[in-house]
PDB file of N, CA and C in Angstrom:
ATOM      1  N   MET A   1       9.251  15.774   6.426  1.00  0.00           N
ATOM      2  CA  MET A   1      10.032  14.630   5.604  1.00  0.00           C
ATOM      3  C   MET A   1       9.976  15.172   4.103  1.00  0.00           C
ATOM      4  N   SER A   2      11.041  15.165   3.474  1.00  0.00           N
ATOM      5  CA  SER A   2      11.053  15.358   2.162  1.00  0.00           C
ATOM      6  C   SER A   2      10.192  14.096   1.274  1.00  0.00           C
ATOM      7  N   GLU A   3      10.103  14.582   0.009  1.00  0.00           N
ATOM      8  CA  GLU A   3       9.441  13.655  -0.817  1.00  0.00           C
ATOM      9  C   GLU A   3      10.497  12.495  -1.043  1.00  0.00           C
ATOM     10  N   GLU A   4      11.630  12.697  -1.317  1.00  0.00           N
ATOM     11  CA  GLU A   4      12.481  11.623  -1.370  1.00  0.00           C
ATOM     12  C   GLU A   4      12.665  10.742  -0.275  1.00  0.00           C
ATOM     13  N   GLU A   5      12.832  11.138   1.150  1.00  0.00           N
ATOM     14  CA  GLU A   5      12.797  10.609   2.226  1.00  0.00           C
ATOM     15  C   GLU A   5      11.496   9.652   2.204  1.00  0.00           C
ATOM     16  N   PHE A   6      10.347  10.435   1.925  1.00  0.00           N
ATOM     17  CA  PHE A   6       9.272   9.450   1.944  1.00  0.00           C
ATOM     18  C   PHE A   6       9.106   8.285   1.212  1.00  0.00           C
ATOM     19  N   GLU A   7       9.669   8.528  -0.038  1.00  0.00           N
ATOM     20  CA  GLU A   7       9.700   7.530  -0.995  1.00  0.00           C
ATOM     21  C   GLU A   7      10.738   6.291  -0.440  1.00  0.00           C
ATOM     22  N   ASP A   8      11.661   6.844   0.085  1.00  0.00           N
ATOM     23  CA  ASP A   8      12.681   5.825   0.640  1.00  0.00           C
ATOM     24  C   ASP A   8      12.063   4.931   1.739  1.00  0.00           C
ATOM     25  N   ALA A   9      11.109   5.720   2.349  1.00  0.00           N
ATOM     26  CA  ALA A   9      10.430   5.007   3.459  1.00  0.00           C
ATOM     27  C   ALA A   9       9.670   3.879   3.031  1.00  0.00           C
ATOM     28  N   VAL A  10       8.917   4.239   1.807  1.00  0.00           N
ATOM     29  CA  VAL A  10       7.887   3.249   1.379  1.00  0.00           C
ATOM     30  C   VAL A  10       8.845   2.093   0.513  1.00  0.00           C
ATOM     31  N   ALA A  11       9.988   2.476   0.060  1.00  0.00           N
ATOM     32  CA  ALA A  11      10.966   1.401  -0.426  1.00  0.00           C
ATOM     33  C   ALA A  11      11.468   0.353   0.692  1.00  0.00           C
ATOM     34  N   ASP A  12      11.728   1.067   1.789  1.00  0.00           N
ATOM     35  CA  ASP A  12      12.242   0.218   2.803  1.00  0.00           C
ATOM     36  C   ASP A  12      11.224  -0.400   3.394  1.00  0.00           C
ATOM     37  N   ALA A  13       9.905  -0.227   3.222  1.00  0.00           N
ATOM     38  CA  ALA A  13       8.757  -0.914   3.871  1.00  0.00           C
ATOM     39  C   ALA A  13       8.520  -2.122   2.967  1.00  0.00           C
ATOM     40  N   LEU A  14       8.737  -1.796   1.484  1.00  0.00           N
ATOM     41  CA  LEU A  14       8.486  -2.864   0.747  1.00  0.00           C
ATOM     42  C   LEU A  14       9.693  -3.925   0.769  1.00  0.00           C
ATOM     43  N   ASP A  15      10.826  -3.574   1.073  1.00  0.00           N
ATOM     44  CA  ASP A  15      11.695  -4.421   1.311  1.00  0.00           C
ATOM     45  C   ASP A  15      11.766  -5.443   2.458  1.00  0.00           C
ATOM     46  N   GLU A  16      10.898  -4.925   3.569  1.00  0.00           N
ATOM     47  CA  GLU A  16      10.774  -5.549   4.769  1.00  0.00           C
ATOM     48  C   GLU A  16       9.655  -6.769   4.556  1.00  0.00           C
ATOM     49  N   ILE A  17       9.062  -6.808   3.370  1.00  0.00           N
ATOM     50  CA  ILE A  17       8.102  -7.936   3.168  1.00  0.00           C
ATOM     51  C   ILE A  17       8.901  -9.343   2.850  1.00  0.00           C
ATOM     52  N   PRO A  18       8.485 -10.268   3.583  1.00  0.00           N
ATOM     53  CA  PRO A  18       9.335 -11.344   3.427  1.00  0.00           C
ATOM     54  C   PRO A  18       9.449 -11.903   1.933  1.00  0.00           C
ATOM     55  N   ALA A  19      10.509 -12.509   1.676  1.00  0.00           N
ATOM     56  CA  ALA A  19      10.944 -12.736   0.516  1.00  0.00           C
ATOM     57  C   ALA A  19       9.786 -13.665  -0.311  1.00  0.00           C
ATOM     58  N   GLU A  20       9.293 -14.848   0.549  1.00  0.00           N
ATOM     59  CA  GLU A  20       8.477 -15.791   0.154  1.00  0.00           C
ATOM     60  C   GLU A  20       7.104 -15.155  -0.258  1.00  0.00           C
ATOM     61  N   LEU A  21       6.632 -14.003   0.233  1.00  0.00           N
ATOM     62  CA  LEU A  21       5.557 -13.395  -0.057  1.00  0.00           C
ATOM     63  C   LEU A  21       5.767 -12.452  -1.200  1.00  0.00           C
ATOM     64  N   ALA A  22       6.872 -11.468  -0.914  1.00  0.00           N
ATOM     65  CA  ALA A  22       7.017 -10.682  -2.106  1.00  0.00           C
ATOM     66  C   ALA A  22       7.224 -11.452  -3.769  1.00  0.00           C
ATOM     67  N   ARG A  23       7.470 -12.801  -3.444  1.00  0.00           N
ATOM     68  CA  ARG A  23       7.643 -13.559  -4.806  1.00  0.00           C
ATOM     69  C   ARG A  23       6.307 -13.585  -5.366  1.00  0.00           C
ATOM     70  N   LEU A  24       5.104 -13.575  -4.437  1.00  0.00           N
ATOM     71  CA  LEU A  24       3.838 -13.851  -5.110  1.00  0.00           C
ATOM     72  C   LEU A  24       3.192 -12.754  -5.322  1.00  0.00           C
ATOM     73  N   VAL A  25       3.629 -11.497  -5.054  1.00  0.00           N
ATOM     74  CA  VAL A  25       3.050 -10.060  -5.853  1.00  0.00           C
ATOM     75  C   VAL A  25       3.236 -10.204  -7.109  1.00  0.00           C
ATOM     76  N   ASP A  26       2.146 -10.047  -7.877  1.00  0.00           N
ATOM     77  CA  ASP A  26       2.260 -10.125  -9.380  1.00  0.00           C
ATOM     78  C   ASP A  26       1.397  -8.992 -10.033  1.00  0.00           C
ATOM     79  N   ASN A  27       2.319  -8.419 -11.021  1.00  0.00           N
ATOM     80  CA  ASN A  27       1.629  -7.312 -11.648  1.00  0.00           C
ATOM     81  C   ASN A  27       1.191  -6.139 -10.903  1.00  0.00           C
ATOM     82  N   VAL A  28       2.089  -5.592 -10.111  1.00  0.00           N
ATOM     83  CA  VAL A  28       1.787  -4.766  -9.041  1.00  0.00           C
ATOM     84  C   VAL A  28       2.698  -3.408  -9.138  1.00  0.00           C
ATOM     85  N   VAL A  29       1.866  -2.289  -9.118  1.00  0.00           N
ATOM     86  CA  VAL A  29       3.134  -1.046  -9.068  1.00  0.00           C
ATOM     87  C   VAL A  29       2.826  -0.340  -7.865  1.00  0.00           C
ATOM     88  N   VAL A  30       4.011   0.213  -6.956  1.00  0.00           N
ATOM     89  CA  VAL A  30       3.664   0.949  -6.070  1.00  0.00           C
ATOM     90  C   VAL A  30       4.066   2.332  -6.265  1.00  0.00           C
ATOM     91  N   LEU A  31       3.153   3.237  -6.117  1.00  0.00           N
ATOM     92  CA  LEU A  31       3.217   4.656  -5.974  1.00  0.00           C
ATOM     93  C   LEU A  31       3.252   5.663  -4.844  1.00  0.00           C
ATOM     94  N   VAL A  32       3.957   6.755  -5.034  1.00  0.00           N
ATOM     95  CA  VAL A  32       3.520   7.676  -3.951  1.00  0.00           C
ATOM     96  C   VAL A  32       3.036   8.909  -4.560  1.00  0.00           C
ATOM     97  N   ALA A  33       1.852   9.373  -3.899  1.00  0.00           N
ATOM     98  CA  ALA A  33       1.154  10.599  -4.378  1.00  0.00           C
ATOM     99  C   ALA A  33       1.204  11.681  -3.096  1.00  0.00           C
ATOM    100  N   ASP A  34       1.098  12.741  -3.285  1.00  0.00           N
ATOM    101  CA  ASP A  34       0.761  13.736  -2.273  1.00  0.00           C
ATOM    102  C   ASP A  34      -0.373  13.628  -1.289  1.00  0.00           C
ATOM    103  N   ASP A  35      -1.366  13.566  -2.378  1.00  0.00           N
ATOM    104  CA  ASP A  35      -2.988  13.380  -1.641  1.00  0.00           C
ATOM    105  C   ASP A  35      -3.735  12.864  -2.653  1.00  0.00           C
ATOM    106  N   PRO A  36      -4.658  12.116  -1.731  1.00  0.00           N
ATOM    107  CA  PRO A  36      -5.883  11.346  -2.550  1.00  0.00           C
ATOM    108  C   PRO A  36      -6.333  12.466  -3.359  1.00  0.00           C
ATOM    109  N   GLU A  37      -6.897  12.070  -4.579  1.00  0.00           N
ATOM    110  CA  GLU A  37      -7.777  12.741  -5.397  1.00  0.00           C
ATOM    111  C   GLU A  37      -9.473  12.546  -4.927  1.00  0.00           C
ATOM    112  N   PRO A  38     -10.279  13.696  -5.347  1.00  0.00           N
ATOM    113  CA  PRO A  38     -11.693  13.373  -4.882  1.00  0.00           C
ATOM    114  C   PRO A  38     -12.158  12.490  -5.698  1.00  0.00           C
ATOM    115  N   PRO A  39     -13.130  11.643  -5.294  1.00  0.00           N
ATOM    116  CA  PRO A  39     -13.824  11.772  -4.087  1.00  0.00           C
ATOM    117  C   PRO A  39     -13.265  10.767  -3.034  1.00  0.00           C
ATOM    118  N   LEU A  40     -12.002  10.442  -3.163  1.00  0.00           N
ATOM    119  CA  LEU A  40     -11.453   9.758  -1.986  1.00  0.00           C
ATOM    120  C   LEU A  40     -11.228  10.521  -0.811  1.00  0.00           C
ATOM    121  N   PRO A  41     -11.293  10.134   0.477  1.00  0.00           N
ATOM    122  CA  PRO A  41     -11.222  10.991   1.521  1.00  0.00           C
ATOM    123  C   PRO A  41      -9.919  11.748   1.612  1.00  0.00           C
ATOM    124  N   PRO A  42      -9.476  12.839   2.090  1.00  0.00           N
ATOM    125  CA  PRO A  42      -8.541  13.599   2.161  1.00  0.00           C
ATOM    126  C   PRO A  42      -7.560  13.115   3.236  1.00  0.00           C
ATOM    127  N   ASP A  43      -8.171  12.152   4.102  1.00  0.00           N
ATOM    128  CA  ASP A  43      -7.126  11.917   5.149  1.00  0.00           C
ATOM    129  C   ASP A  43      -6.725  10.117   4.875  1.00  0.00           C
ATOM    130  N   LEU A  44      -6.834   9.572   3.773  1.00  0.00           N
ATOM    131  CA  LEU A  44      -6.727   8.292   3.279  1.00  0.00           C
ATOM    132  C   LEU A  44      -4.965   8.146   3.252  1.00  0.00           C
ATOM    133  N   LEU A  45      -4.541   6.981   3.858  1.00  0.00           N
ATOM    134  CA  LEU A  45      -3.033   7.001   3.724  1.00  0.00           C
ATOM    135  C   LEU A  45      -2.729   6.035   2.569  1.00  0.00           C
ATOM    136  N   GLY A  46      -3.484   5.308   2.471  1.00  0.00           N
ATOM    137  CA  GLY A  46      -2.986   4.372   1.096  1.00  0.00           C
ATOM    138  C   GLY A  46      -4.139   3.686   0.384  1.00  0.00           C
ATOM    139  N   LEU A  47      -3.886   3.352  -0.771  1.00  0.00           N
ATOM    140  CA  LEU A  47      -5.098   2.742  -1.439  1.00  0.00           C
ATOM    141  C   LEU A  47      -4.725   1.440  -2.497  1.00  0.00           C
ATOM    142  N   TYR A  48      -5.197   0.409  -2.499  1.00  0.00           N
ATOM    143  CA  TYR A  48      -4.951  -0.661  -3.323  1.00  0.00           C
ATOM    144  C   TYR A  48      -6.177  -0.557  -4.481  1.00  0.00           C
ATOM    145  N   GLU A  49      -5.688  -0.627  -5.946  1.00  0.00           N
ATOM    146  CA  GLU A  49      -6.721  -0.631  -6.759  1.00  0.00           C
ATOM    147  C   GLU A  49      -6.434  -1.844  -7.822  1.00  0.00           C
ATOM    148  N   GLY A  50      -7.196  -2.776  -7.911  1.00  0.00           N
ATOM    149  CA  GLY A  50      -6.640  -3.593  -8.759  1.00  0.00           C
ATOM    150  C   GLY A  50      -7.719  -5.003  -8.382  1.00  0.00           C
ATOM    151  N   THR A  51      -7.133  -6.044  -8.984  1.00  0.00           N
ATOM    152  CA  THR A  51      -7.823  -7.554  -8.741  1.00  0.00           C
ATOM    153  C   THR A  51      -7.023  -8.292  -7.899  1.00  0.00           C
ATOM    154  N   PRO A  52      -7.494  -8.466  -6.648  1.00  0.00           N
ATOM    155  CA  PRO A  52      -6.702  -9.569  -5.777  1.00  0.00           C
ATOM    156  C   PRO A  52      -6.501 -10.823  -6.305  1.00  0.00           C
ATOM    157  N   LEU A  53      -5.454 -11.626  -5.910  1.00  0.00           N
ATOM    158  CA  LEU A  53      -5.049 -12.575  -6.199  1.00  0.00           C
ATOM    159  C   LEU A  53      -5.978 -13.668  -6.303  1.00  0.00           C
ATOM    160  N   THR A  54      -6.792 -13.379  -5.190  1.00  0.00           N
ATOM    161  CA  THR A  54      -7.883 -14.394  -4.630  1.00  0.00           C
ATOM    162  C   THR A  54      -9.000 -14.318  -5.982  1.00  0.00           C
ATOM    163  N   GLU A  55      -8.922 -13.400  -6.697  1.00  0.00           N
ATOM    164  CA  GLU A  55     -10.214 -13.100  -7.442  1.00  0.00           C
ATOM    165  C   GLU A  55      -9.808 -13.126  -9.078  1.00  0.00           C
ATOM    166  N   ARG A  56      -8.657 -13.369  -9.294  1.00  0.00           N
ATOM    167  CA  ARG A  56      -8.234 -13.609 -10.568  1.00  0.00           C
ATOM    168  C   ARG A  56      -8.277 -15.153 -11.224  1.00  0.00           C
ATOM    169  N   GLY A  57      -8.938 -15.031 -12.528  1.00  0.00           N
ATOM    170  CA  GLY A  57      -9.139 -16.171 -13.474  1.00  0.00           C
ATOM    171  C   GLY A  57      -8.483 -15.984 -14.493  1.00  0.00           C
ATOM    172  N   SER A  58      -8.550 -17.172 -15.457  1.00  0.00           N
ATOM    173  CA  SER A  58      -7.767 -17.262 -16.480  1.00  0.00           C
ATOM    174  C   SER A  58      -8.144 -16.086 -17.205  1.00  0.00           C
ATOM    175  N   TRP A  59      -9.114 -15.447 -17.242  1.00  0.00           N
ATOM    176  CA  TRP A  59      -9.449 -13.977 -18.043  1.00  0.00           C
ATOM    177  C   TRP A  59      -8.411 -13.056 -17.718  1.00  0.00           C
ATOM    178  N   TRP A  60      -8.076 -13.175 -16.580  1.00  0.00           N
ATOM    179  CA  TRP A  60      -7.332 -11.857 -15.957  1.00  0.00           C
ATOM    180  C   TRP A  60      -6.176 -11.459 -16.604  1.00  0.00           C
ATOM    181  N   ALA A  61      -5.306 -12.491 -16.877  1.00  0.00           N
ATOM    182  CA  ALA A  61      -3.883 -12.192 -17.448  1.00  0.00           C
ATOM    183  C   ALA A  61      -3.799 -11.486 -18.676  1.00  0.00           C
ATOM    184  N   ALA A  62      -4.776 -11.429 -19.610  1.00  0.00           N
ATOM    185  CA  ALA A  62      -4.816 -11.037 -21.127  1.00  0.00           C
ATOM    186  C   ALA A  62      -4.671  -9.625 -21.251  1.00  0.00           C
ATOM    187  N   GLY A  63      -3.691  -8.936 -20.968  1.00  0.00           N
ATOM    188  CA  GLY A  63      -3.653  -7.562 -21.302  1.00  0.00           C
ATOM    189  C   GLY A  63      -3.909  -6.706 -20.106  1.00  0.00           C
ATOM    190  N   SER A  64      -4.061  -7.349 -19.058  1.00  0.00           N
ATOM    191  CA  SER A  64      -4.447  -6.607 -17.600  1.00  0.00           C
ATOM    192  C   SER A  64      -3.246  -5.500 -17.205  1.00  0.00           C
ATOM    193  N   LEU A  65      -3.611  -4.600 -16.896  1.00  0.00           N
ATOM    194  CA  LEU A  65      -3.001  -3.364 -16.418  1.00  0.00           C
ATOM    195  C   LEU A  65      -2.297  -3.844 -15.212  1.00  0.00           C
ATOM    196  N   PRO A  66      -1.287  -3.272 -14.456  1.00  0.00           N
ATOM    197  CA  PRO A  66      -0.709  -3.533 -13.428  1.00  0.00           C
ATOM    198  C   PRO A  66      -1.644  -2.848 -12.181  1.00  0.00           C
ATOM    199  N   ASP A  67      -1.812  -3.864 -11.087  1.00  0.00           N
ATOM    200  CA  ASP A  67      -2.636  -3.304 -10.078  1.00  0.00           C
ATOM    201  C   ASP A  67      -1.867  -1.918  -9.545  1.00  0.00           C
ATOM    202  N   ARG A  68      -2.552  -1.205  -8.666  1.00  0.00           N
ATOM    203  CA  ARG A  68      -1.667   0.131  -8.056  1.00  0.00           C
ATOM    204  C   ARG A  68      -1.813   0.081  -6.570  1.00  0.00           C
ATOM    205  N   ILE A  69      -0.740   0.295  -5.870  1.00  0.00           N
ATOM    206  CA  ILE A  69      -0.639   0.609  -4.401  1.00  0.00           C
ATOM    207  C   ILE A  69      -0.036   2.010  -4.374  1.00  0.00           C
ATOM    208  N   THR A  70      -0.859   2.935  -3.843  1.00  0.00           N
ATOM    209  CA  THR A  70      -0.661   4.189  -3.842  1.00  0.00           C
ATOM    210  C   THR A  70      -0.513   4.788  -2.091  1.00  0.00           C
ATOM    211  N   VAL A  71       0.430   5.138  -1.962  1.00  0.00           N
ATOM    212  CA  VAL A  71       0.693   5.708  -0.485  1.00  0.00           C
ATOM    213  C   VAL A  71       0.638   6.987  -0.715  1.00  0.00           C
ATOM    214  N   PHE A  72      -0.109   7.741   0.421  1.00  0.00           N
ATOM    215  CA  PHE A  72      -0.340   9.176   0.207  1.00  0.00           C
ATOM    216  C   PHE A  72       0.509   9.800   1.390  1.00  0.00           C
ATOM    217  N   ARG A  73       1.475  10.771   1.033  1.00  0.00           N
ATOM    218  CA  ARG A  73       2.563  11.387   1.722  1.00  0.00           C
ATOM    219  C   ARG A  73       1.941  12.526   2.710  1.00  0.00           C
ATOM    220  N   ASN A  74       1.253  13.398   2.135  1.00  0.00           N
ATOM    221  CA  ASN A  74       0.423  14.584   3.049  1.00  0.00           C
ATOM    222  C   ASN A  74      -0.246  13.923   3.989  1.00  0.00           C
ATOM    223  N   PRO A  75      -1.236  13.014   3.959  1.00  0.00           N
ATOM    224  CA  PRO A  75      -2.174  12.502   5.081  1.00  0.00           C
ATOM    225  C   PRO A  75      -1.238  11.768   5.878  1.00  0.00           C
ATOM    226  N   THR A  76      -0.352  11.110   5.701  1.00  0.00           N
ATOM    227  CA  THR A  76       0.673  10.311   6.518  1.00  0.00           C
ATOM    228  C   THR A  76       1.468  11.317   7.295  1.00  0.00           C
ATOM    229  N   LEU A  77       2.127  12.105   6.665  1.00  0.00           N
ATOM    230  CA  LEU A  77       2.866  13.194   7.411  1.00  0.00           C
ATOM    231  C   LEU A  77       1.871  14.087   8.338  1.00  0.00           C
ATOM    232  N   ALA A  78       0.528  14.043   8.224  1.00  0.00           N
ATOM    233  CA  ALA A  78      -0.347  15.158   9.027  1.00  0.00           C
ATOM    234  C   ALA A  78      -0.389  14.190  10.396  1.00  0.00           C
ATOM    235  N   VAL A  79      -0.618  12.896  10.265  1.00  0.00           N
ATOM    236  CA  VAL A  79      -0.766  12.103  11.565  1.00  0.00           C
ATOM    237  C   VAL A  79       0.361  11.622  12.174  1.00  0.00           C
ATOM    238  N   CYS A  80       1.245  11.818  11.949  1.00  0.00           N
ATOM    239  CA  CYS A  80       2.717  11.525  12.553  1.00  0.00           C
ATOM    240  C   CYS A  80       3.379  12.770  13.059  1.00  0.00           C
ATOM    241  N   ALA A  81       3.848  12.630  14.139  1.00  0.00           N
ATOM    242  CA  ALA A  81       4.747  13.595  15.126  1.00  0.00           C
ATOM    243  C   ALA A  81       6.138  13.712  14.850  1.00  0.00           C
ATOM    244  N   ASP A  82       6.545  12.513  14.380  1.00  0.00           N
ATOM    245  CA  ASP A  82       8.378  12.738  13.794  1.00  0.00           C
ATOM    246  C   ASP A  82       8.451  11.488  13.029  1.00  0.00           C
ATOM    247  N   ARG A  83       9.674  11.433  12.691  1.00  0.00           N
ATOM    248  CA  ARG A  83      10.145  10.551  11.675  1.00  0.00           C
ATOM    249  C   ARG A  83      10.086   9.284  11.759  1.00  0.00           C
ATOM    250  N   ASP A  84      10.156   8.919  13.024  1.00  0.00           N
ATOM    251  CA  ASP A  84      10.034   7.428  13.468  1.00  0.00           C
ATOM    252  C   ASP A  84       8.485   6.828  13.119  1.00  0.00           C
ATOM    253  N   GLU A  85       7.790   7.860  13.627  1.00  0.00           N
ATOM    254  CA  GLU A  85       6.106   7.418  13.491  1.00  0.00           C
ATOM    255  C   GLU A  85       5.920   7.275  11.974  1.00  0.00           C
ATOM    256  N   VAL A  86       6.324   8.375  11.156  1.00  0.00           N
ATOM    257  CA  VAL A  86       6.133   8.253   9.793  1.00  0.00           C
ATOM    258  C   VAL A  86       6.672   6.816   9.047  1.00  0.00           C
ATOM    259  N   VAL A  87       7.699   6.280   9.495  1.00  0.00           N
ATOM    260  CA  VAL A  87       8.311   5.156   9.081  1.00  0.00           C
ATOM    261  C   VAL A  87       7.732   3.952   9.269  1.00  0.00           C
ATOM    262  N   GLU A  88       7.066   4.031  10.655  1.00  0.00           N
ATOM    263  CA  GLU A  88       6.157   2.957  11.111  1.00  0.00           C
ATOM    264  C   GLU A  88       4.669   3.044  10.325  1.00  0.00           C
ATOM    265  N   GLU A  89       4.125   4.159  10.330  1.00  0.00           N
ATOM    266  CA  GLU A  89       3.004   4.521   9.577  1.00  0.00           C
ATOM    267  C   GLU A  89       3.103   3.869   7.965  1.00  0.00           C
ATOM    268  N   VAL A  90       4.163   4.141   7.398  1.00  0.00           N
ATOM    269  CA  VAL A  90       4.324   3.756   6.338  1.00  0.00           C
ATOM    270  C   VAL A  90       4.542   2.260   6.074  1.00  0.00           C
ATOM    271  N   ARG A  91       5.240   1.708   6.745  1.00  0.00           N
ATOM    272  CA  ARG A  91       5.242   0.410   7.050  1.00  0.00           C
ATOM    273  C   ARG A  91       3.880  -0.287   7.019  1.00  0.00           C
ATOM    274  N   THR A  92       3.090   0.154   8.106  1.00  0.00           N
ATOM    275  CA  THR A  92       1.765  -0.354   8.272  1.00  0.00           C
ATOM    276  C   THR A  92       1.070  -0.205   6.925  1.00  0.00           C
ATOM    277  N   THR A  93       1.096   0.846   6.365  1.00  0.00           N
ATOM    278  CA  THR A  93       0.058   1.265   5.406  1.00  0.00           C
ATOM    279  C   THR A  93       0.568   0.116   3.912  1.00  0.00           C
ATOM    280  N   VAL A  94       1.916  -0.152   3.902  1.00  0.00           N
ATOM    281  CA  VAL A  94       2.457  -0.666   2.617  1.00  0.00           C
ATOM    282  C   VAL A  94       1.757  -2.404   3.216  1.00  0.00           C
ATOM    283  N   VAL A  95       2.137  -2.980   4.267  1.00  0.00           N
ATOM    284  CA  VAL A  95       1.730  -4.066   4.557  1.00  0.00           C
ATOM    285  C   VAL A  95      -0.168  -4.184   4.385  1.00  0.00           C
ATOM    286  N   HIS A  96      -0.675  -3.179   4.757  1.00  0.00           N
ATOM    287  CA  HIS A  96      -1.980  -3.350   4.564  1.00  0.00           C
ATOM    288  C   HIS A  96      -2.460  -3.234   3.245  1.00  0.00           C
ATOM    289  N   GLU A  97      -1.884  -2.402   2.208  1.00  0.00           N
ATOM    290  CA  GLU A  97      -2.410  -2.554   0.839  1.00  0.00           C
ATOM    291  C   GLU A  97      -1.704  -3.608   0.140  1.00  0.00           C
ATOM    292  N   VAL A  98      -0.529  -4.076   0.591  1.00  0.00           N
ATOM    293  CA  VAL A  98      -0.337  -5.459  -0.213  1.00  0.00           C
ATOM    294  C   VAL A  98      -0.904  -6.762   0.150  1.00  0.00           C
ATOM    295  N   ALA A  99      -1.409  -6.791   1.662  1.00  0.00           N
ATOM    296  CA  ALA A  99      -2.674  -7.486   1.935  1.00  0.00           C
ATOM    297  C   ALA A  99      -3.864  -7.522   0.940  1.00  0.00           C
ATOM    298  N   HIS A 100      -4.274  -6.500   0.569  1.00  0.00           N
ATOM    299  CA  HIS A 100      -5.458  -6.366  -0.081  1.00  0.00           C
ATOM    300  C   HIS A 100      -4.881  -7.158  -1.319  1.00  0.00           C
ATOM    301  N   HIS A 101      -3.893  -6.828  -1.980  1.00  0.00           N
ATOM    302  CA  HIS A 101      -3.649  -7.791  -3.282  1.00  0.00           C
ATOM    303  C   HIS A 101      -3.702  -9.100  -2.891  1.00  0.00           C
ATOM    304  N   PHE A 102      -3.417  -9.781  -1.786  1.00  0.00           N
ATOM    305  CA  PHE A 102      -3.787 -11.128  -1.480  1.00  0.00           C
ATOM    306  C   PHE A 102      -4.701 -11.433  -1.055  1.00  0.00           C
ATOM    307  N   GLY A 103      -5.951 -10.383  -1.231  1.00  0.00           N
ATOM    308  CA  GLY A 103      -7.250 -10.835  -0.977  1.00  0.00           C
ATOM    309  C   GLY A 103      -7.766 -10.568   0.515  1.00  0.00           C
ATOM    310  N   ILE A 104      -7.172  -9.847   1.493  1.00  0.00           N
ATOM    311  CA  ILE A 104      -7.286  -9.872   2.685  1.00  0.00           C
ATOM    312  C   ILE A 104      -7.903  -8.385   2.784  1.00  0.00           C
ATOM    313  N   ASP A 105      -9.347  -8.702   3.744  1.00  0.00           N
ATOM    314  CA  ASP A 105      -9.998  -7.584   3.534  1.00  0.00           C
ATOM    315  C   ASP A 105      -9.734  -6.514   5.054  1.00  0.00           C
ATOM    316  N   ASP A 106     -10.304  -5.481   4.967  1.00  0.00           N
ATOM    317  CA  ASP A 106     -10.095  -4.436   5.933  1.00  0.00           C
ATOM    318  C   ASP A 106     -10.431  -4.958   7.502  1.00  0.00           C
ATOM    319  N   GLU A 107     -11.539  -5.948   7.531  1.00  0.00           N
ATOM    320  CA  GLU A 107     -12.095  -6.650   8.775  1.00  0.00           C
ATOM    321  C   GLU A 107     -11.049  -7.294   9.414  1.00  0.00           C
ATOM    322  N   ARG A 108     -10.502  -8.363   8.478  1.00  0.00           N
ATOM    323  CA  ARG A 108      -9.344  -9.119   8.739  1.00  0.00           C
ATOM    324  C   ARG A 108      -8.173  -8.466   9.318  1.00  0.00           C
ATOM    325  N   LEU A 109      -7.531  -7.552   8.414  1.00  0.00           N
ATOM    326  CA  LEU A 109      -6.751  -6.718   8.571  1.00  0.00           C
ATOM    327  C   LEU A 109      -6.538  -6.097  10.211  1.00  0.00           C
ATOM    328  N   HIS A 110      -8.006  -5.533  10.413  1.00  0.00           N
ATOM    329  CA  HIS A 110      -8.098  -4.969  11.729  1.00  0.00           C
ATOM    330  C   HIS A 110      -7.771  -5.844  12.700  1.00  0.00           C
ATOM    331  N   GLU A 111      -8.472  -7.015  12.672  1.00  0.00           N
ATOM    332  CA  GLU A 111      -8.157  -8.076  13.547  1.00  0.00           C
ATOM    333  C   GLU A 111      -6.651  -8.568  13.856  1.00  0.00           C
ATOM    334  N   LEU A 112      -5.950  -8.427  12.650  1.00  0.00           N
ATOM    335  CA  LEU A 112      -4.595  -8.763  12.624  1.00  0.00           C
ATOM    336  C   LEU A 112      -3.573  -7.686  13.195  1.00  0.00           C
ATOM    337  N   GLY A 113      -4.182  -6.521  13.396  1.00  0.00           N
ATOM    338  CA  GLY A 113      -3.622  -5.185  13.990  1.00  0.00           C
ATOM    339  C   GLY A 113      -2.829  -4.514  12.778  1.00  0.00           C
ATOM    340  N   TRP A 114      -3.276  -4.838  11.706  1.00  0.00           N
ATOM    341  CA  TRP A 114      -2.926  -4.025  10.424  1.00  0.00           C
ATOM    342  C   TRP A 114      -3.783  -2.846   9.950  1.00  0.00           C
ATOM    343  N   GLY A 115      -4.765  -2.469  10.695  1.00  0.00           N
ATOM    344  CA  GLY A 115      -5.804  -1.721  10.186  1.00  0.00           C
ATOM    345  C   GLY A 115      -5.534  -0.377   9.993  1.00  0.00           C
TER     346      GLY A 115
END
């Protein structure tokens, strides 16, 4: 899958987030990178970096940089056998990382089937 097709899959996954939830996403940029940088594990599919909505106080808004969600292309391609699997894995990764923005931890995401 080309870089452009992968980026399109990420954009499509973002478009699938229900509008009522998407409106609540605040100050977040979504990026695509080929691989995670050390010391991150090389097989990491996605990463949320920022302050979840549940932890933001009045101090947060003053000059805060955007939170970042990064979806890693090469590790995703490595665990998928075909394009359909890539699209589904990207969807799962995007939902997983957006959920972190809402303050949902890995344990709960695994319980919900988004691990």
